[in-house]
Amino acid sequence: MPKDLEINIVRNGACSVVHIHGEIDLKTSPELRDALLDLFRKRSQERVILDFQGVTYIDSSGVASLIEGLHEAKTKKARLILANLGDSARHVLDLTRLTSVFEIAKTVEDALR
């Protein structure tokens, strides 16, 4: 049986790109949360880019994990950037009025600049 969520992290110095595939929901959001907190707290990343290209669904628990990651980034004076937001994820962030809170890039390449 395939995993509901797959997270692949590519680290390059003080920057990490987190490629996410699958659904971010009540069952899987703790995995994303843990990965984000680890990158900021233990790995001292200055910039973390979340690549949403493979995300098929995100619910309120997933949004809560993103907010917690953003809070940790701000605490560490780091950046959390969302990239490749699909219509579904953008819609959820629009509904929650969080598109103005998060730094959003069209592509991972744009976020790396």
PDB file of N, CA and C in Angstrom:
ATOM      1  N   MET A   1       0.848  -1.191   0.000  1.00  0.00           N
ATOM      2  CA  MET A   1       0.000   0.000   0.000  1.00  0.00           C
ATOM      3  C   MET A   1       0.883   1.241   0.000  1.00  0.00           C
ATOM      4  N   PRO A   2       0.629   2.213  -0.892  1.00  0.00           N
ATOM      5  CA  PRO A   2       1.467   3.409  -0.963  1.00  0.00           C
ATOM      6  C   PRO A   2       1.240   4.312   0.245  1.00  0.00           C
ATOM      7  N   LYS A   3       2.271   5.075   0.567  1.00  0.00           N
ATOM      8  CA  LYS A   3       2.158   6.039   1.656  1.00  0.00           C
ATOM      9  C   LYS A   3       1.214   7.161   1.238  1.00  0.00           C
ATOM     10  N   ASP A   4       0.531   7.744   2.236  1.00  0.00           N
ATOM     11  CA  ASP A   4      -0.367   8.863   1.967  1.00  0.00           C
ATOM     12  C   ASP A   4       0.405  10.145   1.703  1.00  0.00           C
ATOM     13  N   LEU A   5       1.621  10.232   2.275  1.00  0.00           N
ATOM     14  CA  LEU A   5       2.433  11.426   2.120  1.00  0.00           C
ATOM     15  C   LEU A   5       3.889  11.020   1.987  1.00  0.00           C
ATOM     16  N   GLU A   6       4.552  11.618   1.029  1.00  0.00           N
ATOM     17  CA  GLU A   6       5.983  11.379   0.839  1.00  0.00           C
ATOM     18  C   GLU A   6       6.683  12.727   0.887  1.00  0.00           C
ATOM     19  N   ILE A   7       7.721  12.799   1.717  1.00  0.00           N
ATOM     20  CA  ILE A   7       8.491  14.030   1.874  1.00  0.00           C
ATOM     21  C   ILE A   7       9.938  13.735   1.520  1.00  0.00           C
ATOM     22  N   ASN A   8      10.460  14.464   0.543  1.00  0.00           N
ATOM     23  CA  ASN A   8      11.857  14.334   0.150  1.00  0.00           C
ATOM     24  C   ASN A   8      12.525  15.689   0.339  1.00  0.00           C
ATOM     25  N   ILE A   9      13.593  15.703   1.124  1.00  0.00           N
ATOM     26  CA  ILE A   9      14.276  16.955   1.444  1.00  0.00           C
ATOM     27  C   ILE A   9      15.631  16.984   0.750  1.00  0.00           C
ATOM     28  N   VAL A  10      15.863  18.064   0.010  1.00  0.00           N
ATOM     29  CA  VAL A  10      17.150  18.279  -0.647  1.00  0.00           C
ATOM     30  C   VAL A  10      17.786  19.480   0.048  1.00  0.00           C
ATOM     31  N   ARG A  11      18.877  19.220   0.759  1.00  0.00           N
ATOM     32  CA  ARG A  11      19.554  20.292   1.488  1.00  0.00           C
ATOM     33  C   ARG A  11      20.764  20.770   0.712  1.00  0.00           C
ATOM     34  N   ASN A  12      20.939  22.091   0.716  1.00  0.00           N
ATOM     35  CA  ASN A  12      22.091  22.703   0.074  1.00  0.00           C
ATOM     36  C   ASN A  12      22.553  23.838   0.982  1.00  0.00           C
ATOM     37  N   GLY A  13      23.491  23.547   1.844  1.00  0.00           N
ATOM     38  CA  GLY A  13      23.955  24.553   2.795  1.00  0.00           C
ATOM     39  C   GLY A  13      22.848  24.940   3.744  1.00  0.00           C
ATOM     40  N   ALA A  14      22.525  26.243   3.795  1.00  0.00           N
ATOM     41  CA  ALA A  14      21.518  26.759   4.718  1.00  0.00           C
ATOM     42  C   ALA A  14      20.126  26.826   4.097  1.00  0.00           C
ATOM     43  N   CYS A  15      19.967  26.181   2.933  1.00  0.00           N
ATOM     44  CA  CYS A  15      18.678  26.173   2.237  1.00  0.00           C
ATOM     45  C   CYS A  15      18.235  24.731   1.991  1.00  0.00           C
ATOM     46  N   SER A  16      16.968  24.467   2.237  1.00  0.00           N
ATOM     47  CA  SER A  16      16.404  23.146   1.952  1.00  0.00           C
ATOM     48  C   SER A  16      15.173  23.291   1.080  1.00  0.00           C
ATOM     49  N   VAL A  17      15.046  22.371   0.132  1.00  0.00           N
ATOM     50  CA  VAL A  17      13.821  22.276  -0.660  1.00  0.00           C
ATOM     51  C   VAL A  17      13.122  20.994  -0.229  1.00  0.00           C
ATOM     52  N   VAL A  18      11.867  21.143   0.195  1.00  0.00           N
ATOM     53  CA  VAL A  18      11.076  20.018   0.677  1.00  0.00           C
ATOM     54  C   VAL A  18      10.033  19.688  -0.394  1.00  0.00           C
ATOM     55  N   HIS A  19      10.230  18.565  -1.059  1.00  0.00           N
ATOM     56  CA  HIS A  19       9.294  18.113  -2.096  1.00  0.00           C
ATOM     57  C   HIS A  19       8.237  17.249  -1.413  1.00  0.00           C
ATOM     58  N   ILE A  20       6.986  17.658  -1.560  1.00  0.00           N
ATOM     59  CA  ILE A  20       5.879  16.980  -0.890  1.00  0.00           C
ATOM     60  C   ILE A  20       4.994  16.321  -1.943  1.00  0.00           C
ATOM     61  N   HIS A  21       4.648  15.048  -1.705  1.00  0.00           N
ATOM     62  CA  HIS A  21       3.764  14.316  -2.625  1.00  0.00           C
ATOM     63  C   HIS A  21       2.674  13.632  -1.818  1.00  0.00           C
ATOM     64  N   GLY A  22       1.431  13.902  -2.194  1.00  0.00           N
ATOM     65  CA  GLY A  22       0.309  13.251  -1.531  1.00  0.00           C
ATOM     66  C   GLY A  22      -0.599  14.237  -0.830  1.00  0.00           C
ATOM     67  N   GLU A  23      -1.289  13.711   0.186  1.00  0.00           N
ATOM     68  CA  GLU A  23      -2.273  14.497   0.923  1.00  0.00           C
ATOM     69  C   GLU A  23      -1.711  14.935   2.273  1.00  0.00           C
ATOM     70  N   ILE A  24      -1.951  16.204   2.603  1.00  0.00           N
ATOM     71  CA  ILE A  24      -1.558  16.723   3.909  1.00  0.00           C
ATOM     72  C   ILE A  24      -2.845  16.869   4.704  1.00  0.00           C
ATOM     73  N   ASP A  25      -3.071  15.928   5.614  1.00  0.00           N
ATOM     74  CA  ASP A  25      -4.316  15.906   6.375  1.00  0.00           C
ATOM     75  C   ASP A  25      -4.036  15.548   7.832  1.00  0.00           C
ATOM     76  N   LEU A  26      -5.080  15.281   8.577  1.00  0.00           N
ATOM     77  CA  LEU A  26      -4.948  14.998  10.004  1.00  0.00           C
ATOM     78  C   LEU A  26      -3.973  13.850  10.271  1.00  0.00           C
ATOM     79  N   LYS A  27      -3.981  12.860   9.400  1.00  0.00           N
ATOM     80  CA  LYS A  27      -3.126  11.683   9.577  1.00  0.00           C
ATOM     81  C   LYS A  27      -1.656  11.975   9.223  1.00  0.00           C
ATOM     82  N   THR A  28      -1.432  12.806   8.201  1.00  0.00           N
ATOM     83  CA  THR A  28      -0.068  12.995   7.693  1.00  0.00           C
ATOM     84  C   THR A  28       0.582  14.313   8.096  1.00  0.00           C
ATOM     85  N   SER A  29      -0.212  15.284   8.533  1.00  0.00           N
ATOM     86  CA  SER A  29       0.367  16.599   8.844  1.00  0.00           C
ATOM     87  C   SER A  29       1.435  16.568   9.941  1.00  0.00           C
ATOM     88  N   PRO A  30       1.353  15.663  10.940  1.00  0.00           N
ATOM     89  CA  PRO A  30       2.439  15.632  11.934  1.00  0.00           C
ATOM     90  C   PRO A  30       3.806  15.319  11.317  1.00  0.00           C
ATOM     91  N   GLU A  31       3.822  14.530  10.258  1.00  0.00           N
ATOM     92  CA  GLU A  31       5.079  14.207   9.582  1.00  0.00           C
ATOM     93  C   GLU A  31       5.690  15.466   8.941  1.00  0.00           C
ATOM     94  N   LEU A  32       4.846  16.279   8.304  1.00  0.00           N
ATOM     95  CA  LEU A  32       5.315  17.529   7.710  1.00  0.00           C
ATOM     96  C   LEU A  32       5.770  18.495   8.802  1.00  0.00           C
ATOM     97  N   ARG A  33       4.981  18.602   9.859  1.00  0.00           N
ATOM     98  CA  ARG A  33       5.329  19.472  10.986  1.00  0.00           C
ATOM     99  C   ARG A  33       6.694  19.102  11.552  1.00  0.00           C
ATOM    100  N   ASP A  34       6.901  17.818  11.812  1.00  0.00           N
ATOM    101  CA  ASP A  34       8.172  17.354  12.372  1.00  0.00           C
ATOM    102  C   ASP A  34       9.341  17.675  11.450  1.00  0.00           C
ATOM    103  N   ALA A  35       9.131  17.494  10.144  1.00  0.00           N
ATOM    104  CA  ALA A  35      10.202  17.781   9.179  1.00  0.00           C
ATOM    105  C   ALA A  35      10.550  19.270   9.193  1.00  0.00           C
ATOM    106  N   LEU A  36       9.532  20.127   9.227  1.00  0.00           N
ATOM    107  CA  LEU A  36       9.772  21.569   9.243  1.00  0.00           C
ATOM    108  C   LEU A  36      10.500  22.001  10.513  1.00  0.00           C
ATOM    109  N   LEU A  37      10.014  21.536  11.651  1.00  0.00           N
ATOM    110  CA  LEU A  37      10.639  21.931  12.917  1.00  0.00           C
ATOM    111  C   LEU A  37      12.074  21.431  12.999  1.00  0.00           C
ATOM    112  N   ASP A  38      12.325  20.238  12.483  1.00  0.00           N
ATOM    113  CA  ASP A  38      13.686  19.699  12.463  1.00  0.00           C
ATOM    114  C   ASP A  38      14.607  20.579  11.616  1.00  0.00           C
ATOM    115  N   LEU A  39      14.122  21.014  10.464  1.00  0.00           N
ATOM    116  CA  LEU A  39      14.956  21.843   9.582  1.00  0.00           C
ATOM    117  C   LEU A  39      15.323  23.168  10.234  1.00  0.00           C
ATOM    118  N   PHE A  40      14.398  23.760  10.942  1.00  0.00           N
ATOM    119  CA  PHE A  40      14.688  25.051  11.574  1.00  0.00           C
ATOM    120  C   PHE A  40      15.417  24.898  12.903  1.00  0.00           C
ATOM    121  N   ARG A  41      15.003  23.951  13.720  1.00  0.00           N
ATOM    122  CA  ARG A  41      15.575  23.819  15.068  1.00  0.00           C
ATOM    123  C   ARG A  41      16.916  23.100  15.090  1.00  0.00           C
ATOM    124  N   LYS A  42      17.005  21.968  14.430  1.00  0.00           N
ATOM    125  CA  LYS A  42      18.215  21.144  14.511  1.00  0.00           C
ATOM    126  C   LYS A  42      19.190  21.392  13.376  1.00  0.00           C
ATOM    127  N   ARG A  43      18.676  21.705  12.197  1.00  0.00           N
ATOM    128  CA  ARG A  43      19.540  21.854  11.029  1.00  0.00           C
ATOM    129  C   ARG A  43      19.864  23.318  10.734  1.00  0.00           C
ATOM    130  N   SER A  44      19.270  24.234  11.489  1.00  0.00           N
ATOM    131  CA  SER A  44      19.540  25.678  11.382  1.00  0.00           C
ATOM    132  C   SER A  44      19.429  26.211   9.954  1.00  0.00           C
ATOM    133  N   GLN A  45      18.395  25.774   9.260  1.00  0.00           N
ATOM    134  CA  GLN A  45      18.195  26.242   7.887  1.00  0.00           C
ATOM    135  C   GLN A  45      17.721  27.691   7.887  1.00  0.00           C
ATOM    136  N   GLU A  46      18.271  28.495   6.982  1.00  0.00           N
ATOM    137  CA  GLU A  46      17.893  29.904   6.865  1.00  0.00           C
ATOM    138  C   GLU A  46      16.736  30.101   5.899  1.00  0.00           C
ATOM    139  N   ARG A  47      16.557  29.134   5.000  1.00  0.00           N
ATOM    140  CA  ARG A  47      15.469  29.212   4.029  1.00  0.00           C
ATOM    141  C   ARG A  47      14.994  27.794   3.748  1.00  0.00           C
ATOM    142  N   VAL A  48      13.675  27.592   3.880  1.00  0.00           N
ATOM    143  CA  VAL A  48      13.061  26.304   3.572  1.00  0.00           C
ATOM    144  C   VAL A  48      11.968  26.572   2.541  1.00  0.00           C
ATOM    145  N   ILE A  49      12.068  25.866   1.432  1.00  0.00           N
ATOM    146  CA  ILE A  49      11.101  26.003   0.339  1.00  0.00           C
ATOM    147  C   ILE A  49      10.265  24.729   0.294  1.00  0.00           C
ATOM    148  N   LEU A  50       8.957  24.895   0.422  1.00  0.00           N
ATOM    149  CA  LEU A  50       8.052  23.757   0.325  1.00  0.00           C
ATOM    150  C   LEU A  50       7.524  23.675  -1.094  1.00  0.00           C
ATOM    151  N   ASP A  51       7.863  22.597  -1.784  1.00  0.00           N
ATOM    152  CA  ASP A  51       7.415  22.383  -3.161  1.00  0.00           C
ATOM    153  C   ASP A  51       6.090  21.625  -3.129  1.00  0.00           C
ATOM    154  N   PHE A  52       5.012  22.331  -3.434  1.00  0.00           N
ATOM    155  CA  PHE A  52       3.666  21.764  -3.372  1.00  0.00           C
ATOM    156  C   PHE A  52       3.234  21.095  -4.676  1.00  0.00           C
ATOM    157  N   GLN A  53       4.127  20.943  -5.625  1.00  0.00           N
ATOM    158  CA  GLN A  53       3.736  20.417  -6.934  1.00  0.00           C
ATOM    159  C   GLN A  53       3.021  19.070  -6.828  1.00  0.00           C
ATOM    160  N   GLY A  54       3.434  18.224  -5.904  1.00  0.00           N
ATOM    161  CA  GLY A  54       2.831  16.898  -5.784  1.00  0.00           C
ATOM    162  C   GLY A  54       1.726  16.793  -4.749  1.00  0.00           C
ATOM    163  N   VAL A  55       1.314  17.935  -4.169  1.00  0.00           N
ATOM    164  CA  VAL A  55       0.277  17.911  -3.140  1.00  0.00           C
ATOM    165  C   VAL A  55      -1.095  17.851  -3.798  1.00  0.00           C
ATOM    166  N   THR A  56      -1.865  16.831  -3.425  1.00  0.00           N
ATOM    167  CA  THR A  56      -3.185  16.650  -4.013  1.00  0.00           C
ATOM    168  C   THR A  56      -4.299  17.185  -3.121  1.00  0.00           C
ATOM    169  N   TYR A  57      -3.983  17.405  -1.826  1.00  0.00           N
ATOM    170  CA  TYR A  57      -5.013  17.836  -0.881  1.00  0.00           C
ATOM    171  C   TYR A  57      -4.338  18.377   0.366  1.00  0.00           C
ATOM    172  N   ILE A  58      -4.930  19.424   0.962  1.00  0.00           N
ATOM    173  CA  ILE A  58      -4.485  19.915   2.260  1.00  0.00           C
ATOM    174  C   ILE A  58      -5.715  20.343   3.046  1.00  0.00           C
ATOM    175  N   ASP A  59      -5.755  19.955   4.328  1.00  0.00           N
ATOM    176  CA  ASP A  59      -6.878  20.348   5.171  1.00  0.00           C
ATOM    177  C   ASP A  59      -6.394  21.285   6.277  1.00  0.00           C
ATOM    178  N   SER A  60      -7.270  21.590   7.213  1.00  0.00           N
ATOM    179  CA  SER A  60      -6.943  22.561   8.258  1.00  0.00           C
ATOM    180  C   SER A  60      -5.783  22.109   9.141  1.00  0.00           C
ATOM    181  N   SER A  61      -5.638  20.818   9.365  1.00  0.00           N
ATOM    182  CA  SER A  61      -4.503  20.346  10.169  1.00  0.00           C
ATOM    183  C   SER A  61      -3.195  20.551   9.412  1.00  0.00           C
ATOM    184  N   GLY A  62      -3.233  20.417   8.097  1.00  0.00           N
ATOM    185  CA  GLY A  62      -2.057  20.700   7.278  1.00  0.00           C
ATOM    186  C   GLY A  62      -1.702  22.170   7.325  1.00  0.00           C
ATOM    187  N   VAL A  63      -2.720  23.026   7.270  1.00  0.00           N
ATOM    188  CA  VAL A  63      -2.496  24.466   7.361  1.00  0.00           C
ATOM    189  C   VAL A  63      -1.902  24.807   8.730  1.00  0.00           C
ATOM    190  N   ALA A  64      -2.393  24.155   9.780  1.00  0.00           N
ATOM    191  CA  ALA A  64      -1.854  24.387  11.128  1.00  0.00           C
ATOM    192  C   ALA A  64      -0.371  24.019  11.192  1.00  0.00           C
ATOM    193  N   SER A  65       0.012  22.952  10.529  1.00  0.00           N
ATOM    194  CA  SER A  65       1.431  22.562  10.492  1.00  0.00           C
ATOM    195  C   SER A  65       2.262  23.612   9.756  1.00  0.00           C
ATOM    196  N   LEU A  66       1.715  24.160   8.677  1.00  0.00           N
ATOM    197  CA  LEU A  66       2.413  25.222   7.946  1.00  0.00           C
ATOM    198  C   LEU A  66       2.583  26.460   8.821  1.00  0.00           C
ATOM    199  N   ILE A  67       1.533  26.808   9.556  1.00  0.00           N
ATOM    200  CA  ILE A  67       1.603  27.980  10.430  1.00  0.00           C
ATOM    201  C   ILE A  67       2.639  27.761  11.529  1.00  0.00           C
ATOM    202  N   GLU A  68       2.682  26.570  12.081  1.00  0.00           N
ATOM    203  CA  GLU A  68       3.682  26.277  13.111  1.00  0.00           C
ATOM    204  C   GLU A  68       5.097  26.361  12.526  1.00  0.00           C
ATOM    205  N   GLY A  69       5.269  25.861  11.316  1.00  0.00           N
ATOM    206  CA  GLY A  69       6.562  25.973  10.642  1.00  0.00           C
ATOM    207  C   GLY A  69       6.934  27.423  10.396  1.00  0.00           C
ATOM    208  N   LEU A  70       5.956  28.238   9.986  1.00  0.00           N
ATOM    209  CA  LEU A  70       6.205  29.658   9.745  1.00  0.00           C
ATOM    210  C   LEU A  70       6.588  30.362  11.049  1.00  0.00           C
ATOM    211  N   HIS A  71       5.905  30.034  12.123  1.00  0.00           N
ATOM    212  CA  HIS A  71       6.223  30.625  13.426  1.00  0.00           C
ATOM    213  C   HIS A  71       7.655  30.285  13.829  1.00  0.00           C
ATOM    214  N   GLU A  72       8.042  29.030  13.639  1.00  0.00           N
ATOM    215  CA  GLU A  72       9.410  28.613  13.984  1.00  0.00           C
ATOM    216  C   GLU A  72      10.431  29.332  13.103  1.00  0.00           C
ATOM    217  N   ALA A  73      10.109  29.493  11.815  1.00  0.00           N
ATOM    218  CA  ALA A  73      11.007  30.208  10.907  1.00  0.00           C
ATOM    219  C   ALA A  73      11.214  31.641  11.395  1.00  0.00           C
ATOM    220  N   LYS A  74      10.126  32.308  11.748  1.00  0.00           N
ATOM    221  CA  LYS A  74      10.231  33.696  12.215  1.00  0.00           C
ATOM    222  C   LYS A  74      11.030  33.779  13.514  1.00  0.00           C
ATOM    223  N   THR A  75      10.841  32.801  14.396  1.00  0.00           N
ATOM    224  CA  THR A  75      11.598  32.754  15.647  1.00  0.00           C
ATOM    225  C   THR A  75      13.094  32.666  15.372  1.00  0.00           C
ATOM    226  N   LYS A  76      13.463  31.914  14.343  1.00  0.00           N
ATOM    227  CA  LYS A  76      14.875  31.707  13.985  1.00  0.00           C
ATOM    228  C   LYS A  76      15.374  32.733  12.962  1.00  0.00           C
ATOM    229  N   LYS A  77      14.514  33.722  12.633  1.00  0.00           N
ATOM    230  CA  LYS A  77      14.847  34.731  11.616  1.00  0.00           C
ATOM    231  C   LYS A  77      15.189  34.076  10.274  1.00  0.00           C
ATOM    232  N   ALA A  78      14.399  33.068   9.948  1.00  0.00           N
ATOM    233  CA  ALA A  78      14.576  32.313   8.701  1.00  0.00           C
ATOM    234  C   ALA A  78      13.351  32.548   7.817  1.00  0.00           C
ATOM    235  N   ARG A  79      13.373  31.952   6.631  1.00  0.00           N
ATOM    236  CA  ARG A  79      12.274  32.100   5.671  1.00  0.00           C
ATOM    237  C   ARG A  79      11.656  30.752   5.355  1.00  0.00           C
ATOM    238  N   LEU A  80      10.330  30.728   5.307  1.00  0.00           N
ATOM    239  CA  LEU A  80       9.577  29.569   4.832  1.00  0.00           C
ATOM    240  C   LEU A  80       8.821  30.041   3.600  1.00  0.00           C
ATOM    241  N   ILE A  81       9.099  29.400   2.470  1.00  0.00           N
ATOM    242  CA  ILE A  81       8.512  29.810   1.196  1.00  0.00           C
ATOM    243  C   ILE A  81       7.707  28.652   0.619  1.00  0.00           C
ATOM    244  N   LEU A  82       6.485  28.931   0.210  1.00  0.00           N
ATOM    245  CA  LEU A  82       5.642  27.931  -0.448  1.00  0.00           C
ATOM    246  C   LEU A  82       5.770  28.124  -1.950  1.00  0.00           C
ATOM    247  N   ALA A  83       6.008  27.041  -2.679  1.00  0.00           N
ATOM    248  CA  ALA A  83       6.180  27.123  -4.135  1.00  0.00           C
ATOM    249  C   ALA A  83       5.303  26.090  -4.836  1.00  0.00           C
ATOM    250  N   ASN A  84       4.995  26.379  -6.089  1.00  0.00           N
ATOM    251  CA  ASN A  84       4.202  25.473  -6.930  1.00  0.00           C
ATOM    252  C   ASN A  84       2.850  25.140  -6.309  1.00  0.00           C
ATOM    253  N   LEU A  85       2.200  26.144  -5.723  1.00  0.00           N
ATOM    254  CA  LEU A  85       0.883  25.892  -5.131  1.00  0.00           C
ATOM    255  C   LEU A  85      -0.117  25.548  -6.215  1.00  0.00           C
ATOM    256  N   GLY A  86      -0.767  24.431  -6.063  1.00  0.00           N
ATOM    257  CA  GLY A  86      -1.830  24.062  -6.985  1.00  0.00           C
ATOM    258  C   GLY A  86      -3.111  24.793  -6.620  1.00  0.00           C
ATOM    259  N   ASP A  87      -4.123  24.632  -7.448  1.00  0.00           N
ATOM    260  CA  ASP A  87      -5.394  25.318  -7.219  1.00  0.00           C
ATOM    261  C   ASP A  87      -6.013  24.948  -5.879  1.00  0.00           C
ATOM    262  N   SER A  88      -5.941  23.665  -5.514  1.00  0.00           N
ATOM    263  CA  SER A  88      -6.547  23.200  -4.271  1.00  0.00           C
ATOM    264  C   SER A  88      -5.880  23.837  -3.050  1.00  0.00           C
ATOM    265  N   ALA A  89      -4.561  23.801  -2.991  1.00  0.00           N
ATOM    266  CA  ALA A  89      -3.837  24.377  -1.850  1.00  0.00           C
ATOM    267  C   ALA A  89      -4.013  25.891  -1.810  1.00  0.00           C
ATOM    268  N   ARG A  90      -3.957  26.540  -2.952  1.00  0.00           N
ATOM    269  CA  ARG A  90      -4.134  27.994  -2.995  1.00  0.00           C
ATOM    270  C   ARG A  90      -5.540  28.370  -2.524  1.00  0.00           C
ATOM    271  N   HIS A  91      -6.529  27.571  -2.917  1.00  0.00           N
ATOM    272  CA  HIS A  91      -7.907  27.833  -2.512  1.00  0.00           C
ATOM    273  C   HIS A  91      -8.045  27.772  -0.985  1.00  0.00           C
ATOM    274  N   VAL A  92      -7.442  26.768  -0.368  1.00  0.00           N
ATOM    275  CA  VAL A  92      -7.498  26.636   1.090  1.00  0.00           C
ATOM    276  C   VAL A  92      -6.822  27.835   1.757  1.00  0.00           C
ATOM    277  N   LEU A  93      -5.681  28.248   1.240  1.00  0.00           N
ATOM    278  CA  LEU A  93      -4.981  29.403   1.813  1.00  0.00           C
ATOM    279  C   LEU A  93      -5.761  30.700   1.567  1.00  0.00           C
ATOM    280  N   ASP A  94      -6.430  30.790   0.434  1.00  0.00           N
ATOM    281  CA  ASP A  94      -7.278  31.961   0.159  1.00  0.00           C
ATOM    282  C   ASP A  94      -8.450  32.015   1.145  1.00  0.00           C
ATOM    283  N   LEU A  95      -9.096  30.869   1.337  1.00  0.00           N
ATOM    284  CA  LEU A  95     -10.247  30.807   2.245  1.00  0.00           C
ATOM    285  C   LEU A  95      -9.868  31.202   3.672  1.00  0.00           C
ATOM    286  N   THR A  96      -8.681  30.813   4.083  1.00  0.00           N
ATOM    287  CA  THR A  96      -8.219  31.104   5.438  1.00  0.00           C
ATOM    288  C   THR A  96      -7.494  32.444   5.520  1.00  0.00           C
ATOM    289  N   ARG A  97      -7.444  33.145   4.385  1.00  0.00           N
ATOM    290  CA  ARG A  97      -6.798  34.460   4.282  1.00  0.00           C
ATOM    291  C   ARG A  97      -5.312  34.413   4.668  1.00  0.00           C
ATOM    292  N   LEU A  98      -4.669  33.315   4.338  1.00  0.00           N
ATOM    293  CA  LEU A  98      -3.258  33.144   4.690  1.00  0.00           C
ATOM    294  C   LEU A  98      -2.311  33.387   3.522  1.00  0.00           C
ATOM    295  N   THR A  99      -2.847  33.662   2.331  1.00  0.00           N
ATOM    296  CA  THR A  99      -1.950  33.926   1.206  1.00  0.00           C
ATOM    297  C   THR A  99      -1.128  35.187   1.442  1.00  0.00           C
ATOM    298  N   SER A 100      -1.637  36.086   2.258  1.00  0.00           N
ATOM    299  CA  SER A 100      -0.866  37.298   2.565  1.00  0.00           C
ATOM    300  C   SER A 100       0.121  37.086   3.711  1.00  0.00           C
ATOM    301  N   VAL A 101      -0.037  35.992   4.446  1.00  0.00           N
ATOM    302  CA  VAL A 101       0.837  35.695   5.584  1.00  0.00           C
ATOM    303  C   VAL A 101       2.088  34.941   5.132  1.00  0.00           C
ATOM    304  N   PHE A 102       1.906  34.014   4.196  1.00  0.00           N
ATOM    305  CA  PHE A 102       3.016  33.197   3.721  1.00  0.00           C
ATOM    306  C   PHE A 102       3.736  33.866   2.553  1.00  0.00           C
ATOM    307  N   GLU A 103       5.018  33.601   2.469  1.00  0.00           N
ATOM    308  CA  GLU A 103       5.789  33.998   1.295  1.00  0.00           C
ATOM    309  C   GLU A 103       5.528  32.922   0.244  1.00  0.00           C
ATOM    310  N   ILE A 104       5.032  33.320  -0.910  1.00  0.00           N
ATOM    311  CA  ILE A 104       4.658  32.362  -1.953  1.00  0.00           C
ATOM    312  C   ILE A 104       5.422  32.678  -3.228  1.00  0.00           C
ATOM    313  N   ALA A 105       6.033  31.642  -3.801  1.00  0.00           N
ATOM    314  CA  ALA A 105       6.747  31.767  -5.073  1.00  0.00           C
ATOM    315  C   ALA A 105       6.039  30.904  -6.106  1.00  0.00           C
ATOM    316  N   LYS A 106       6.095  31.352  -7.337  1.00  0.00           N
ATOM    317  CA  LYS A 106       5.445  30.597  -8.415  1.00  0.00           C
ATOM    318  C   LYS A 106       6.098  29.228  -8.587  1.00  0.00           C
ATOM    319  N   THR A 107       7.440  29.200  -8.583  1.00  0.00           N
ATOM    320  CA  THR A 107       8.177  27.947  -8.766  1.00  0.00           C
ATOM    321  C   THR A 107       9.285  27.836  -7.719  1.00  0.00           C
ATOM    322  N   VAL A 108       9.849  26.650  -7.593  1.00  0.00           N
ATOM    323  CA  VAL A 108      10.996  26.447  -6.701  1.00  0.00           C
ATOM    324  C   VAL A 108      12.167  27.304  -7.175  1.00  0.00           C
ATOM    325  N   GLU A 109      12.352  27.379  -8.491  1.00  0.00           N
ATOM    326  CA  GLU A 109      13.448  28.169  -9.044  1.00  0.00           C
ATOM    327  C   GLU A 109      13.328  29.635  -8.642  1.00  0.00           C
ATOM    328  N   ASP A 110      12.089  30.161  -8.674  1.00  0.00           N
ATOM    329  CA  ASP A 110      11.861  31.553  -8.243  1.00  0.00           C
ATOM    330  C   ASP A 110      12.206  31.706  -6.767  1.00  0.00           C
ATOM    331  N   ALA A 111      11.843  30.738  -5.953  1.00  0.00           N
ATOM    332  CA  ALA A 111      12.108  30.795  -4.511  1.00  0.00           C
ATOM    333  C   ALA A 111      13.604  30.712  -4.213  1.00  0.00           C
ATOM    334  N   LEU A 112      14.354  30.057  -5.081  1.00  0.00           N
ATOM    335  CA  LEU A 112      15.801  29.917  -4.868  1.00  0.00           C
ATOM    336  C   LEU A 112      16.545  31.199  -5.210  1.00  0.00           C
ATOM    337  N   ARG A 113      15.944  32.097  -5.974  1.00  0.00           N
ATOM    338  CA  ARG A 113      16.609  33.345  -6.357  1.00  0.00           C
ATOM    339  C   ARG A 113      16.679  34.317  -5.216  1.00  0.00           C
TER     340      ARG A 113
END
